[in-house]
Amino acid sequence: MNWQRSALPILSSIILASPCLADDQAISEAWQTTRRQLSEQATVAFGKSDWQEARQLYNKILEHEPENPIILANLGAIEYQLGDYTASCYYLESALAKKADLMSSREMLGMAYHLNKKPLRAVATLATAVANQPESPRAHNQLAVVLQAMAWYDGAEKSLLKAIQLDPDYRDAHFNLALIYIDRKAPSSKLARKHYETAVELGAPPDKELEERLKRSP
C-alpha cells in the first residue's frame, strides 16, 4: 500500500522578462526570437512528457538567463519527474530564492526533500506551503504524507481531515485517512472502510492489500 501523493502541477513554459544581454540591440532581439522558439519547443516536450528533451531546451535558455526563476522551477519539475531529487531540490530552492510565490514549486520542493530522505526539511517546507495556502487541500495532503512517514500520525490525521473539509471529494485524502485508521494501534476499521470506499467511489484504484486488511479487521 502506498500513500497517495497528489499529482503536483508541472509549471508551464513561462518566460519572464529579462534585461538585455548585450549593448547591441540586434543581438538582444535575436536572442528574444531564439528564446521564444526554445520555449515553444520545451512546451511541446513537456506536453509529451519528454523530460530529457525539455531539460535540454530549458538548459539552453538558462545559459543566457541563469537568474530566471521560472526556468529554474521548470528544471526542478523536470528533475523531479526524472527521479533526480537532489537536482530537483537545487533548482527549486534556487527558483524560490528568487520568486517566493511559486506555490506549486514549494510543494514540489517539500516532496522532493521527502523523497530525498530529508524529512525535517520536507516538513518545514510543506508547513510553509500550508501556511501560504491554507485553503489548498493538496498542500494539506502532501504535508500529511510526510508526517505519516515520520510516524506523526496525529498530525497527519489532522492535515487529512482539513483537506477533506476543504474538498469533500478529495480522493487521495480519503485513501490516506483509511490507511491512518487501519494502521492505528487500536484500528478503527469502520472509519478506515468508510474513507477507503469513498476514495474508490471517487476514482481511486482498488487496493487489494488494504481490502484484505479491512476484511480481517473487526
Protein backbone atom coordinates (compact mmCIF):
# COMPACT_ATOMS: atom_id res chain seq x y z
CA MET A 1 0.00 0.00 0.00
CA ASN A 2 1.33 3.37 -0.92
CA TRP A 3 0.27 6.67 0.47
CA GLN A 4 -1.27 8.85 -2.20
CA ARG A 5 0.67 11.97 -3.08
CA SER A 6 -1.49 14.24 -5.12
CA ALA A 7 -0.13 14.97 -8.55
CA LEU A 8 1.84 18.17 -8.49
CA PRO A 9 1.23 20.59 -11.33
CA ILE A 10 4.07 20.97 -13.76
CA LEU A 11 4.86 24.58 -14.44
CA SER A 12 4.10 25.65 -17.96
CA SER A 13 6.70 27.29 -20.09
CA ILE A 14 6.55 30.91 -18.98
CA ILE A 15 9.48 33.11 -19.77
CA LEU A 16 9.99 36.10 -17.55
CA ALA A 17 11.28 39.37 -18.95
CA SER A 18 14.99 39.79 -18.54
CA PRO A 19 17.43 42.62 -19.14
CA CYS A 20 19.19 42.94 -22.46
CA LEU A 21 22.09 40.57 -22.73
CA ALA A 22 24.33 42.94 -24.64
CA ASP A 23 24.63 46.56 -25.64
CA ASP A 24 23.96 45.60 -29.23
CA GLN A 25 20.16 45.75 -29.58
CA ALA A 26 20.26 43.48 -32.62
CA ILE A 27 21.86 40.72 -30.55
CA SER A 28 19.23 41.19 -27.85
CA GLU A 29 16.40 40.98 -30.38
CA ALA A 30 17.96 37.88 -31.92
CA TRP A 31 18.05 36.22 -28.50
CA GLN A 32 14.44 37.14 -27.84
CA THR A 33 13.44 35.30 -31.02
CA THR A 34 15.58 32.29 -30.15
CA ARG A 35 14.25 32.25 -26.61
CA ARG A 36 10.66 32.20 -27.83
CA GLN A 37 11.42 29.29 -30.13
CA LEU A 38 13.14 27.34 -27.38
CA SER A 39 10.23 27.99 -25.04
CA GLU A 40 7.69 26.75 -27.57
CA GLN A 41 9.73 23.61 -28.21
CA ALA A 42 10.08 23.00 -24.47
CA THR A 43 6.33 23.35 -24.00
CA VAL A 44 5.75 20.65 -26.63
CA ALA A 45 8.30 18.39 -24.95
CA PHE A 46 6.57 18.95 -21.60
CA GLY A 47 3.23 18.01 -23.10
CA LYS A 48 4.69 14.75 -24.38
CA SER A 49 6.46 14.05 -21.05
CA ASP A 50 9.72 14.06 -23.00
CA TRP A 51 11.68 15.17 -19.95
CA GLN A 52 15.12 14.72 -21.46
CA GLU A 53 14.27 16.97 -24.40
CA ALA A 54 12.59 19.54 -22.16
CA ARG A 55 15.62 19.57 -19.86
CA GLN A 56 17.97 20.20 -22.77
CA LEU A 57 15.85 23.06 -24.10
CA TYR A 58 15.45 24.78 -20.75
CA ASN A 59 19.15 24.48 -20.08
CA LYS A 60 19.81 26.34 -23.32
CA ILE A 61 17.67 29.20 -22.02
CA LEU A 62 19.31 29.01 -18.59
CA GLU A 63 22.74 29.55 -20.17
CA HIS A 64 21.55 33.05 -21.14
CA GLU A 65 19.23 33.69 -18.19
CA PRO A 66 20.71 31.97 -15.12
CA GLU A 67 18.56 34.04 -12.76
CA ASN A 68 15.20 33.27 -14.39
CA PRO A 69 13.06 31.70 -11.62
CA ILE A 70 10.51 30.13 -13.95
CA ILE A 71 13.18 28.33 -15.94
CA LEU A 72 14.79 27.15 -12.70
CA ALA A 73 11.40 25.97 -11.43
CA ASN A 74 10.68 24.11 -14.65
CA LEU A 75 14.05 22.37 -14.47
CA GLY A 76 13.28 21.44 -10.87
CA ALA A 77 9.99 19.92 -12.00
CA ILE A 78 11.73 18.00 -14.78
CA GLU A 79 14.35 16.55 -12.43
CA TYR A 80 11.51 15.58 -10.07
CA GLN A 81 9.86 13.64 -12.89
CA LEU A 82 13.18 12.00 -13.76
CA GLY A 83 13.73 10.95 -10.15
CA ASP A 84 16.84 13.04 -9.50
CA TYR A 85 15.60 14.60 -6.28
CA THR A 86 18.93 16.17 -5.37
CA ALA A 87 18.95 18.13 -8.63
CA SER A 88 15.26 18.90 -8.24
CA CYS A 89 15.86 20.39 -4.79
CA TYR A 90 18.71 22.52 -6.12
CA TYR A 91 16.66 24.05 -8.93
CA LEU A 92 13.53 24.53 -6.84
CA GLU A 93 15.47 26.14 -3.99
CA SER A 94 17.10 28.49 -6.49
CA ALA A 95 13.74 29.38 -8.06
CA LEU A 96 12.07 30.09 -4.71
CA ALA A 97 15.00 32.20 -3.56
CA LYS A 98 14.28 34.49 -6.50
CA LYS A 99 10.46 34.24 -6.55
CA ALA A 100 8.94 33.10 -3.28
CA ASP A 101 5.34 33.00 -4.51
CA LEU A 102 5.82 29.94 -6.75
CA MET A 103 3.41 27.90 -4.63
CA SER A 104 3.42 24.67 -6.62
CA SER A 105 7.23 24.75 -6.64
CA ARG A 106 7.27 24.95 -2.84
CA GLU A 107 5.01 21.91 -2.59
CA MET A 108 7.17 20.04 -5.07
CA LEU A 109 10.30 21.00 -3.12
CA GLY A 110 8.74 19.58 0.04
CA MET A 111 8.02 16.29 -1.70
CA ALA A 112 11.48 16.26 -3.29
CA TYR A 113 13.03 16.64 0.18
CA HIS A 114 10.82 13.79 1.39
CA LEU A 115 11.85 11.50 -1.45
CA ASN A 116 15.48 12.56 -0.98
CA LYS A 117 15.36 11.37 2.66
CA LYS A 118 15.39 14.83 4.25
CA PRO A 119 12.24 14.62 6.36
CA LEU A 120 12.73 17.68 8.56
CA ARG A 121 13.28 19.92 5.55
CA ALA A 122 10.25 18.33 3.93
CA VAL A 123 8.04 19.06 6.92
CA ALA A 124 9.29 22.63 7.24
CA THR A 125 8.79 23.32 3.53
CA LEU A 126 5.32 21.81 3.37
CA ALA A 127 4.28 23.53 6.60
CA THR A 128 5.24 26.80 4.91
CA ALA A 129 3.24 25.77 1.85
CA VAL A 130 0.21 25.16 4.06
CA ALA A 131 0.70 28.48 5.84
CA ASN A 132 0.89 30.27 2.49
CA GLN A 133 -2.07 28.35 1.05
CA PRO A 134 -4.34 27.42 3.97
CA GLU A 135 -7.22 26.75 1.57
CA SER A 136 -5.24 24.29 -0.58
CA PRO A 137 -6.36 20.69 0.06
CA ARG A 138 -3.36 19.37 -1.87
CA ALA A 139 -0.88 21.19 0.38
CA HIS A 140 -2.51 19.65 3.47
CA ASN A 141 -2.44 16.19 1.88
CA GLN A 142 1.24 16.43 0.92
CA LEU A 143 2.13 17.51 4.45
CA ALA A 144 0.20 14.52 5.79
CA VAL A 145 2.17 12.13 3.57
CA VAL A 146 5.42 13.35 5.10
CA LEU A 147 4.08 13.40 8.67
CA GLN A 148 2.84 9.82 8.30
CA ALA A 149 6.25 8.71 7.01
CA MET A 150 7.75 10.17 10.19
CA ALA A 151 5.13 8.34 12.32
CA TRP A 152 3.49 11.63 13.35
CA TYR A 153 0.08 10.11 12.92
CA ASP A 154 -1.97 12.65 14.85
CA GLY A 155 -0.58 15.48 12.76
CA ALA A 156 -1.14 13.52 9.56
CA GLU A 157 -4.75 12.80 10.52
CA LYS A 158 -5.38 16.46 11.33
CA SER A 159 -3.96 17.55 7.96
CA LEU A 160 -6.06 14.99 6.08
CA LEU A 161 -9.26 15.95 7.87
CA LYS A 162 -8.55 19.56 6.94
CA ALA A 163 -8.01 18.58 3.31
CA ILE A 164 -11.37 16.81 3.23
CA GLN A 165 -13.06 19.71 4.97
CA LEU A 166 -11.80 21.94 2.17
CA ASP A 167 -12.67 19.41 -0.55
CA PRO A 168 -15.04 16.57 0.47
CA ASP A 169 -14.36 14.83 -2.86
CA TYR A 170 -10.59 14.71 -2.46
CA ARG A 171 -9.94 11.03 -3.07
CA ASP A 172 -6.25 10.96 -2.13
CA ALA A 173 -7.01 12.37 1.32
CA HIS A 174 -9.80 9.81 1.84
CA PHE A 175 -7.47 6.97 0.86
CA ASN A 176 -4.72 8.23 3.16
CA LEU A 177 -7.18 8.57 6.04
CA ALA A 178 -8.17 4.94 5.52
CA LEU A 179 -4.52 3.97 5.98
CA ILE A 180 -4.24 6.14 9.10
CA TYR A 181 -7.26 4.47 10.70
CA ILE A 182 -6.27 0.91 9.80
CA ASP A 183 -2.67 1.43 10.98
CA ARG A 184 -3.57 2.71 14.44
CA LYS A 185 -2.56 0.63 17.45
CA ALA A 186 -6.29 0.35 18.05
CA PRO A 187 -7.52 0.23 14.44
CA SER A 188 -10.79 1.88 13.56
CA SER A 189 -11.96 -0.42 10.78
CA LYS A 190 -15.30 1.37 10.45
CA LEU A 191 -13.66 4.71 9.69
CA ALA A 192 -10.98 3.07 7.54
CA ARG A 193 -13.62 1.26 5.47
CA LYS A 194 -15.71 4.42 5.12
CA HIS A 195 -12.84 6.51 3.74
CA TYR A 196 -11.49 3.71 1.55
CA GLU A 197 -14.89 3.14 -0.05
CA THR A 198 -15.28 6.88 -0.58
CA ALA A 199 -11.85 7.06 -2.23
CA VAL A 200 -12.75 4.22 -4.63
CA GLU A 201 -16.11 5.80 -5.42
CA LEU A 202 -14.22 8.98 -6.30
CA GLY A 203 -11.97 7.12 -8.72
CA ALA A 204 -9.06 5.78 -6.66
CA PRO A 205 -7.86 2.36 -7.93
CA PRO A 206 -8.80 -0.54 -5.63
CA ASP A 207 -6.07 -1.66 -3.23
CA LYS A 208 -6.20 -5.42 -2.69
CA GLU A 209 -3.87 -5.39 0.29
CA LEU A 210 -5.93 -2.78 2.11
CA GLU A 211 -9.14 -4.62 1.25
CA GLU A 212 -7.72 -7.80 2.80
CA ARG A 213 -6.77 -5.93 5.96
CA LEU A 214 -10.23 -4.44 6.18
CA LYS A 215 -11.78 -7.93 5.88
CA ARG A 216 -9.61 -9.21 8.75
CA SER A 217 -10.23 -6.19 10.95
CA PRO A 218 -13.15 -6.46 13.39
